C-alpha atoms as a PDB file:
ATOM      1  CA  MET A   1      -0.153 -28.934 -18.489  1.00  0.00           C
ATOM      2  CA  ILE A   2      -3.208 -28.055 -16.406  1.00  0.00           C
ATOM      3  CA  ALA A   3      -1.833 -24.979 -14.758  1.00  0.00           C
ATOM      4  CA  HIS A   4      -0.737 -23.699 -18.201  1.00  0.00           C
ATOM      5  CA  GLN A   5      -4.254 -24.043 -19.510  1.00  0.00           C
ATOM      6  CA  ASN A   6      -5.705 -22.184 -16.462  1.00  0.00           C
ATOM      7  CA  CYS A   7      -3.449 -19.308 -17.031  1.00  0.00           C
ATOM      8  CA  ILE A   8      -4.539 -19.356 -20.740  1.00  0.00           C
ATOM      9  CA  VAL A   9      -8.083 -19.404 -19.788  1.00  0.00           C
ATOM     10  CA  ARG A  10      -7.462 -16.211 -17.245  1.00  0.00           C
ATOM     11  CA  ASP A  11      -5.425 -14.277 -19.612  1.00  0.00           C
ATOM     12  CA  ASP A  12      -8.220 -14.650 -22.277  1.00  0.00           C
ATOM     13  CA  ARG A  13     -10.930 -13.611 -20.005  1.00  0.00           C
ATOM     14  CA  ARG A  14      -8.824 -10.468 -19.106  1.00  0.00           C
ATOM     15  CA  VAL A  15      -8.508  -9.574 -22.692  1.00  0.00           C
ATOM     16  CA  VAL A  16     -12.119 -10.074 -23.048  1.00  0.00           C
ATOM     17  CA  LEU A  17     -12.984  -8.004 -19.935  1.00  0.00           C
ATOM     18  CA  VAL A  18     -10.915  -5.139 -21.393  1.00  0.00           C
ATOM     19  CA  LEU A  19     -12.526  -5.435 -24.854  1.00  0.00           C
ATOM     20  CA  ALA A  20     -15.950  -5.260 -23.325  1.00  0.00           C
ATOM     21  CA  LEU A  21     -15.302  -2.544 -21.015  1.00  0.00           C
ATOM     22  CA  GLY A  22     -13.584  -0.552 -23.733  1.00  0.00           C
ATOM     23  CA  ALA A  23     -16.609  -1.275 -26.082  1.00  0.00           C
ATOM     24  CA  SER A  24     -19.210  -0.217 -23.314  1.00  0.00           C
ATOM     25  CA  THR A  25     -16.829   3.226 -22.846  1.00  0.00           C
ATOM     26  CA  ALA A  26     -16.603   3.858 -26.376  1.00  0.00           C
ATOM     27  CA  LEU A  27     -20.408   3.557 -26.929  1.00  0.00           C
ATOM     28  CA  THR A  28     -20.812   5.928 -23.989  1.00  0.00           C
ATOM     29  CA  ILE A  29     -18.800   8.364 -25.526  1.00  0.00           C
ATOM     30  CA  ALA A  30     -20.376   8.101 -28.903  1.00  0.00           C
ATOM     31  CA  LEU A  31     -23.716   8.758 -27.446  1.00  0.00           C
ATOM     32  CA  GLY A  32     -22.860  11.997 -26.297  1.00  0.00           C
ATOM     33  CA  VAL A  33     -22.517  13.403 -29.665  1.00  0.00           C
ATOM     34  CA  THR A  34     -25.558  15.638 -30.513  1.00  0.00           C
ATOM     35  CA  ASP A  35     -27.893  14.931 -33.339  1.00  0.00           C
ATOM     36  CA  PRO A  36     -25.603  15.226 -36.493  1.00  0.00           C
ATOM     37  CA  ALA A  37     -28.577  16.649 -38.408  1.00  0.00           C
ATOM     38  CA  GLY A  38     -28.084  20.032 -36.247  1.00  0.00           C
ATOM     39  CA  GLU A  39     -25.024  21.837 -35.145  1.00  0.00           C
ATOM     40  CA  PRO A  40     -22.456  19.399 -33.627  1.00  0.00           C
ATOM     41  CA  SER A  41     -21.630  19.696 -30.050  1.00  0.00           C
ATOM     42  CA  TYR A  42     -20.585  17.584 -26.939  1.00  0.00           C
ATOM     43  CA  PRO A  43     -22.382  18.893 -23.987  1.00  0.00           C
ATOM     44  CA  THR A  44     -21.554  16.153 -21.819  1.00  0.00           C
ATOM     45  CA  ARG A  45     -17.880  16.384 -21.619  1.00  0.00           C
ATOM     46  CA  PHE A  46     -17.479  15.886 -18.081  1.00  0.00           C
ATOM     47  CA  LEU A  47     -18.624  12.236 -18.662  1.00  0.00           C
ATOM     48  CA  VAL A  48     -15.668  11.572 -20.494  1.00  0.00           C
ATOM     49  CA  TRP A  49     -13.363  12.747 -17.839  1.00  0.00           C
ATOM     50  CA  ASN A  50     -15.383  10.893 -15.146  1.00  0.00           C
ATOM     51  CA  LEU A  51     -14.901   7.797 -17.352  1.00  0.00           C
ATOM     52  CA  PHE A  52     -11.081   8.389 -17.772  1.00  0.00           C
ATOM     53  CA  LEU A  53     -11.038   8.391 -13.775  1.00  0.00           C
ATOM     54  CA  ALA A  54     -12.947   5.281 -13.465  1.00  0.00           C
ATOM     55  CA  TRP A  55     -10.586   3.420 -15.559  1.00  0.00           C
ATOM     56  CA  ILE A  56      -7.577   4.236 -13.407  1.00  0.00           C
ATOM     57  CA  PRO A  57      -8.610   1.681 -10.475  1.00  0.00           C
ATOM     58  CA  PHE A  58      -9.091  -0.981 -13.203  1.00  0.00           C
ATOM     59  CA  VAL A  59      -5.575  -0.448 -14.601  1.00  0.00           C
ATOM     60  CA  MET A  60      -4.098  -0.317 -11.025  1.00  0.00           C
ATOM     61  CA  ALA A  61      -5.769  -3.427 -10.301  1.00  0.00           C
ATOM     62  CA  LEU A  62      -4.255  -5.180 -13.123  1.00  0.00           C
ATOM     63  CA  TRP A  63      -0.912  -3.866 -12.159  1.00  0.00           C
ATOM     64  CA  PHE A  64      -1.548  -4.928  -8.362  1.00  0.00           C
ATOM     65  CA  SER A  65      -2.242  -8.325  -9.555  1.00  0.00           C
ATOM     66  CA  VAL A  66       1.218  -8.988 -11.155  1.00  0.00           C
ATOM     67  CA  VAL A  67       3.643  -7.327  -8.713  1.00  0.00           C
ATOM     68  CA  ARG A  68       5.232  -9.274  -5.770  1.00  0.00           C
ATOM     69  CA  ARG A  69       7.207  -6.753  -3.910  1.00  0.00           C
ATOM     70  CA  PRO A  70       5.491  -5.743  -0.654  1.00  0.00           C
ATOM     71  CA  TRP A  71       6.399  -2.104  -0.936  1.00  0.00           C
ATOM     72  CA  ALA A  72       4.976  -2.179  -4.682  1.00  0.00           C
ATOM     73  CA  LEU A  73       1.838  -3.863  -3.530  1.00  0.00           C
ATOM     74  CA  VAL A  74       1.205  -1.190  -0.850  1.00  0.00           C
ATOM     75  CA  ALA A  75       1.957   1.723  -3.025  1.00  0.00           C
ATOM     76  CA  ILE A  76      -0.290   0.483  -5.922  1.00  0.00           C
ATOM     77  CA  GLY A  77      -2.969  -0.641  -3.679  1.00  0.00           C
ATOM     78  CA  VAL A  78      -2.970   2.975  -2.080  1.00  0.00           C
ATOM     79  CA  VAL A  79      -3.529   4.585  -5.368  1.00  0.00           C
ATOM     80  CA  TRP A  80      -6.280   1.837  -6.365  1.00  0.00           C
ATOM     81  CA  LEU A  81      -8.240   2.695  -3.262  1.00  0.00           C
ATOM     82  CA  ALA A  82      -7.725   6.231  -3.687  1.00  0.00           C
ATOM     83  CA  PHE A  83      -9.179   6.258  -7.338  1.00  0.00           C
ATOM     84  CA  LEU A  84     -11.686   3.435  -6.726  1.00  0.00           C
ATOM     85  CA  PRO A  85     -14.724   5.863  -5.887  1.00  0.00           C
ATOM     86  CA  ASN A  86     -14.396   7.260  -9.285  1.00  0.00           C
ATOM     87  CA  ALA A  87     -15.883   4.135 -10.689  1.00  0.00           C
ATOM     88  CA  PRO A  88     -19.191   4.047  -8.852  1.00  0.00           C
ATOM     89  CA  TYR A  89     -19.229   7.765  -8.715  1.00  0.00           C
ATOM     90  CA  LEU A  90     -20.659   7.639 -12.292  1.00  0.00           C
ATOM     91  CA  VAL A  91     -23.985   6.418 -11.152  1.00  0.00           C
ATOM     92  CA  THR A  92     -24.413   9.444  -9.301  1.00  0.00           C
ATOM     93  CA  ASP A  93     -23.940  11.319 -12.737  1.00  0.00           C
ATOM     94  CA  LEU A  94     -27.608  10.285 -13.358  1.00  0.00           C
ATOM     95  CA  VAL A  95     -28.481  13.636 -11.481  1.00  0.00           C
ATOM     96  CA  HIS A  96     -27.514  15.425 -14.624  1.00  0.00           C
ATOM     97  CA  LEU A  97     -30.199  13.378 -16.788  1.00  0.00           C
ATOM     98  CA  GLY A  98     -32.546  15.784 -18.586  1.00  0.00           C
ATOM     99  CA  GLY A  99     -32.948  17.753 -21.666  1.00  0.00           C
ATOM    100  CA  GLU A 100     -35.488  18.165 -24.562  1.00  0.00           C
ATOM    101  CA  GLN A 101     -37.733  15.468 -25.281  1.00  0.00           C
ATOM    102  CA  SER A 102     -35.876  14.705 -28.649  1.00  0.00           C
ATOM    103  CA  GLU A 103     -32.775  14.397 -26.702  1.00  0.00           C
ATOM    104  CA  LEU A 104     -34.074  12.457 -23.669  1.00  0.00           C
ATOM    105  CA  TRP A 105     -33.664   8.840 -25.040  1.00  0.00           C
ATOM    106  CA  ARG A 106     -30.216   9.556 -26.063  1.00  0.00           C
ATOM    107  CA  HIS A 107     -29.368  10.921 -22.616  1.00  0.00           C
ATOM    108  CA  ILE A 108     -31.029   8.061 -20.660  1.00  0.00           C
ATOM    109  CA  LEU A 109     -28.768   5.559 -22.926  1.00  0.00           C
ATOM    110  CA  GLN A 110     -25.558   7.474 -22.388  1.00  0.00           C
ATOM    111  CA  PHE A 111     -25.794   8.062 -18.578  1.00  0.00           C
ATOM    112  CA  GLY A 112     -27.059   4.647 -18.316  1.00  0.00           C
ATOM    113  CA  PHE A 113     -24.077   3.211 -20.255  1.00  0.00           C
ATOM    114  CA  ALA A 114     -21.944   5.446 -18.226  1.00  0.00           C
ATOM    115  CA  ALA A 115     -23.383   4.165 -14.875  1.00  0.00           C
ATOM    116  CA  TRP A 116     -22.874   0.540 -15.957  1.00  0.00           C
ATOM    117  CA  THR A 117     -19.531   0.940 -17.246  1.00  0.00           C
ATOM    118  CA  GLY A 118     -18.433   2.831 -14.064  1.00  0.00           C
ATOM    119  CA  THR A 119     -20.082  -0.159 -11.804  1.00  0.00           C
ATOM    120  CA  LEU A 120     -18.223  -2.727 -13.623  1.00  0.00           C
ATOM    121  CA  LEU A 121     -14.902  -0.991 -13.379  1.00  0.00           C
ATOM    122  CA  GLY A 122     -15.179  -0.676  -9.888  1.00  0.00           C
ATOM    123  CA  VAL A 123     -16.567  -4.133  -9.239  1.00  0.00           C
ATOM    124  CA  VAL A 124     -14.076  -5.897 -11.629  1.00  0.00           C
ATOM    125  CA  SER A 125     -11.080  -4.070  -9.976  1.00  0.00           C
ATOM    126  CA  LEU A 126     -12.084  -5.000  -6.696  1.00  0.00           C
ATOM    127  CA  ARG A 127     -12.428  -8.560  -7.656  1.00  0.00           C
ATOM    128  CA  ILE A 128      -9.087  -8.676  -9.187  1.00  0.00           C
ATOM    129  CA  VAL A 129      -7.638  -7.037  -5.999  1.00  0.00           C
ATOM    130  CA  HIS A 130      -9.515  -9.341  -3.774  1.00  0.00           C
ATOM    131  CA  VAL A 131      -8.301 -12.622  -5.552  1.00  0.00           C
ATOM    132  CA  HIS A 132      -4.837 -11.341  -5.209  1.00  0.00           C
ATOM    133  CA  VAL A 133      -5.111 -10.399  -1.537  1.00  0.00           C
ATOM    134  CA  GLU A 134      -6.629 -13.666  -0.662  1.00  0.00           C
ATOM    135  CA  ARG A 135      -4.043 -15.665  -2.482  1.00  0.00           C
ATOM    136  CA  LEU A 136      -1.335 -13.869  -0.714  1.00  0.00           C
ATOM    137  CA  CYS A 137      -2.727 -13.278   2.772  1.00  0.00           C
ATOM    138  CA  GLY A 138      -5.720 -15.662   3.081  1.00  0.00           C
ATOM    139  CA  ARG A 139      -9.726 -15.455   2.792  1.00  0.00           C
ATOM    140  CA  VAL A 140     -10.152 -13.410   5.964  1.00  0.00           C
ATOM    141  CA  ALA A 141      -7.713 -10.808   4.777  1.00  0.00           C
ATOM    142  CA  GLY A 142      -9.351 -10.843   1.256  1.00  0.00           C
ATOM    143  CA  TRP A 143     -12.823 -10.177   2.567  1.00  0.00           C
ATOM    144  CA  SER A 144     -11.915  -7.607   4.927  1.00  0.00           C
ATOM    145  CA  LEU A 145     -10.330  -5.727   2.093  1.00  0.00           C
ATOM    146  CA  VAL A 146     -13.800  -6.024   0.147  1.00  0.00           C
ATOM    147  CA  VAL A 147     -15.786  -4.690   3.279  1.00  0.00           C
ATOM    148  CA  GLY A 148     -13.119  -1.897   4.129  1.00  0.00           C
ATOM    149  CA  SER A 149     -12.924  -0.782   0.455  1.00  0.00           C
ATOM    150  CA  THR A 150     -16.723  -0.806  -0.071  1.00  0.00           C
ATOM    151  CA  GLY A 151     -17.113   1.389   2.971  1.00  0.00           C
ATOM    152  CA  LEU A 152     -14.282   3.925   1.967  1.00  0.00           C
ATOM    153  CA  CYS A 153     -15.633   3.652  -1.604  1.00  0.00           C
ATOM    154  CA  ALA A 154     -18.953   5.060  -0.456  1.00  0.00           C
ATOM    155  CA  VAL A 155     -17.290   7.853   1.598  1.00  0.00           C
ATOM    156  CA  GLY A 156     -15.085   8.864  -1.493  1.00  0.00           C
ATOM    157  CA  VAL A 157     -18.249   9.109  -3.540  1.00  0.00           C
ATOM    158  CA  VAL A 158     -19.805  11.421  -1.007  1.00  0.00           C
ATOM    159  CA  ILE A 159     -16.942  13.781  -0.584  1.00  0.00           C
ATOM    160  CA  GLY A 160     -16.611  13.855  -4.310  1.00  0.00           C
ATOM    161  CA  ARG A 161     -20.432  14.455  -5.105  1.00  0.00           C
ATOM    162  CA  PHE A 162     -21.258  16.873  -2.028  1.00  0.00           C
ATOM    163  CA  GLN A 163     -17.825  18.288  -1.043  1.00  0.00           C
ATOM    164  CA  ARG A 164     -16.259  18.545  -4.524  1.00  0.00           C
ATOM    165  CA  TRP A 165     -13.095  17.074  -3.566  1.00  0.00           C
ATOM    166  CA  ASN A 166     -11.050  14.893  -6.280  1.00  0.00           C
ATOM    167  CA  SER A 167      -8.862  11.765  -5.679  1.00  0.00           C
ATOM    168  CA  TRP A 168      -5.618  14.012  -6.258  1.00  0.00           C
ATOM    169  CA  ASP A 169      -6.746  16.432  -3.493  1.00  0.00           C
ATOM    170  CA  LEU A 170      -5.704  13.489  -1.025  1.00  0.00           C
ATOM    171  CA  VAL A 171      -2.235  14.696  -1.965  1.00  0.00           C
ATOM    172  CA  THR A 172      -2.655  18.355  -2.644  1.00  0.00           C
ATOM    173  CA  SER A 173      -4.883  19.176  -0.005  1.00  0.00           C
ATOM    174  CA  PRO A 174      -5.146  16.162   2.426  1.00  0.00           C
ATOM    175  CA  LYS A 175      -5.868  18.504   5.471  1.00  0.00           C
ATOM    176  CA  GLY A 176      -8.913  19.850   3.811  1.00  0.00           C
ATOM    177  CA  VAL A 177     -10.398  16.681   2.743  1.00  0.00           C
ATOM    178  CA  VAL A 178      -9.702  15.086   6.156  1.00  0.00           C
ATOM    179  CA  ALA A 179     -11.482  18.156   7.797  1.00  0.00           C
ATOM    180  CA  THR A 180     -14.458  18.144   5.965  1.00  0.00           C
ATOM    181  CA  THR A 181     -14.788  14.129   6.021  1.00  0.00           C
ATOM    182  CA  VAL A 182     -14.428  14.335   9.758  1.00  0.00           C
ATOM    183  CA  GLU A 183     -16.827  17.147  10.104  1.00  0.00           C
ATOM    184  CA  TRP A 184     -19.583  15.091   7.995  1.00  0.00           C
ATOM    185  CA  VAL A 185     -18.631  11.821  10.073  1.00  0.00           C
ATOM    186  CA  ARG A 186     -19.230  13.810  13.316  1.00  0.00           C
ATOM    187  CA  SER A 187     -22.794  15.057  12.224  1.00  0.00           C
ATOM    188  CA  PRO A 188     -24.286  12.399  10.060  1.00  0.00           C
ATOM    189  CA  ILE A 189     -27.936  13.518  11.176  1.00  0.00           C
ATOM    190  CA  ALA A 190     -27.261  16.982  10.209  1.00  0.00           C
ATOM    191  CA  ASN A 191     -26.119  15.774   6.874  1.00  0.00           C
ATOM    192  CA  VAL A 192     -28.879  13.409   6.372  1.00  0.00           C
ATOM    193  CA  ARG A 193     -28.657  13.662   2.507  1.00  0.00           C
ATOM    194  CA  SER A 194     -25.269  12.873   1.976  1.00  0.00           C
ATOM    195  CA  THR A 195     -25.359  10.216   4.649  1.00  0.00           C
ATOM    196  CA  GLY A 196     -28.212   8.528   2.775  1.00  0.00           C
ATOM    197  CA  VAL A 197     -26.231   8.485  -0.185  1.00  0.00           C
ATOM    198  CA  ALA A 198     -23.232   7.025   1.323  1.00  0.00           C
ATOM    199  CA  ILE A 199     -25.306   4.037   2.766  1.00  0.00           C
ATOM    200  CA  ALA A 200     -27.149   3.406  -0.709  1.00  0.00           C
ATOM    201  CA  VAL A 201     -23.901   3.623  -2.545  1.00  0.00           C
ATOM    202  CA  ALA A 202     -22.116   1.102   0.019  1.00  0.00           C
ATOM    203  CA  ALA A 203     -25.245  -1.110  -0.267  1.00  0.00           C
ATOM    204  CA  PHE A 204     -25.343  -0.692  -4.105  1.00  0.00           C
ATOM    205  CA  PHE A 205     -21.618  -1.422  -4.682  1.00  0.00           C
ATOM    206  CA  ALA A 206     -21.533  -4.458  -2.163  1.00  0.00           C
ATOM    207  CA  ILE A 207     -24.641  -6.016  -3.786  1.00  0.00           C
ATOM    208  CA  ALA A 208     -23.085  -5.410  -7.183  1.00  0.00           C
ATOM    209  CA  TYR A 209     -19.734  -7.049  -6.010  1.00  0.00           C
ATOM    210  CA  VAL A 210     -21.341  -9.950  -4.280  1.00  0.00           C
ATOM    211  CA  THR A 211     -23.347 -10.638  -7.424  1.00  0.00           C
ATOM    212  CA  THR A 212     -20.232 -10.665  -9.353  1.00  0.00           C
ATOM    213  CA  TRP A 213     -18.433 -12.816  -6.926  1.00  0.00           C
ATOM    214  CA  ALA A 214     -21.493 -15.557  -7.120  1.00  0.00           C
ATOM    215  CA  LEU A 215     -21.476 -15.346 -10.692  1.00  0.00           C
ATOM    216  CA  ASP A 216     -17.675 -16.247 -10.728  1.00  0.00           C
ATOM    217  CA  GLY A 217     -18.431 -19.553  -9.328  1.00  0.00           C
ATOM    218  CA  LEU A 218     -21.696 -20.717 -11.152  1.00  0.00           C
ATOM    219  CA  GLY A 219     -19.775 -22.555 -14.165  1.00  0.00           C
ATOM    220  CA  GLY A 220     -17.479 -24.136 -11.624  1.00  0.00           C
ATOM    221  CA  ARG A 221     -13.727 -23.149 -10.785  1.00  0.00           C
ATOM    222  CA  PRO A 222     -11.021 -24.578 -13.182  1.00  0.00           C
ATOM    223  CA  GLN A 223      -8.928 -27.175 -11.641  1.00  0.00           C
ATOM    224  CA  GLY A 224      -6.567 -25.515  -8.958  1.00  0.00           C
ATOM    225  CA  GLY A 225      -9.296 -23.531  -7.528  1.00  0.00           C
ATOM    226  CA  ARG A 226      -8.386 -20.111  -8.701  1.00  0.00           C
ATOM    227  CA  SER A 227     -10.573 -17.444 -10.072  1.00  0.00           C
ATOM    228  CA  PRO A 228     -10.423 -17.126 -13.906  1.00  0.00           C
ATOM    229  CA  LEU A 229      -9.818 -13.097 -13.166  1.00  0.00           C
END
């Protein structure tokens, strides 16, 4: 009976998570519409595409949490990790912030909501995968996944922002992605700006995740010790 109640709580919270993240995404998109008093346009279409990419790791994490076959876990996990950098990448879209004074506040709100939504999508997806891996393989494996994913996520953000590679380039142009990434890793001082961004993104994503992890236990865990996620 208690186990059944815990499952209901977890399912309810997942529904709330999806609705909240969906609402944040919808608001971000809505804020991209220009002043209706003028000629309608949508100058920040790239944010819509980036939001779509940020949702992929979240969806893959939900899928990952319900499969049991080892080969399926590996396959879904690889896709999840390949697309995970697209979530915190939205924070770097703040570089596009600007515009006329009359539009500036709308831009601040839109890019702010985009960064918030991307961060949450990344952190929540990592939390879901972490919980599942910890349940299957133990605490050490779970936290090793968190550390490794955070570092690789920061690398992914850098090669996306500065080298302009996309997640699917890992399949279509793997040699190019590897070559440019290795060149950057070999000369971190020569590429001090991208190296600094990588360190900052890793620190930001790690702090965001640890904060979420800590909040998860503030109200006490349901009986059985499993995370509500």
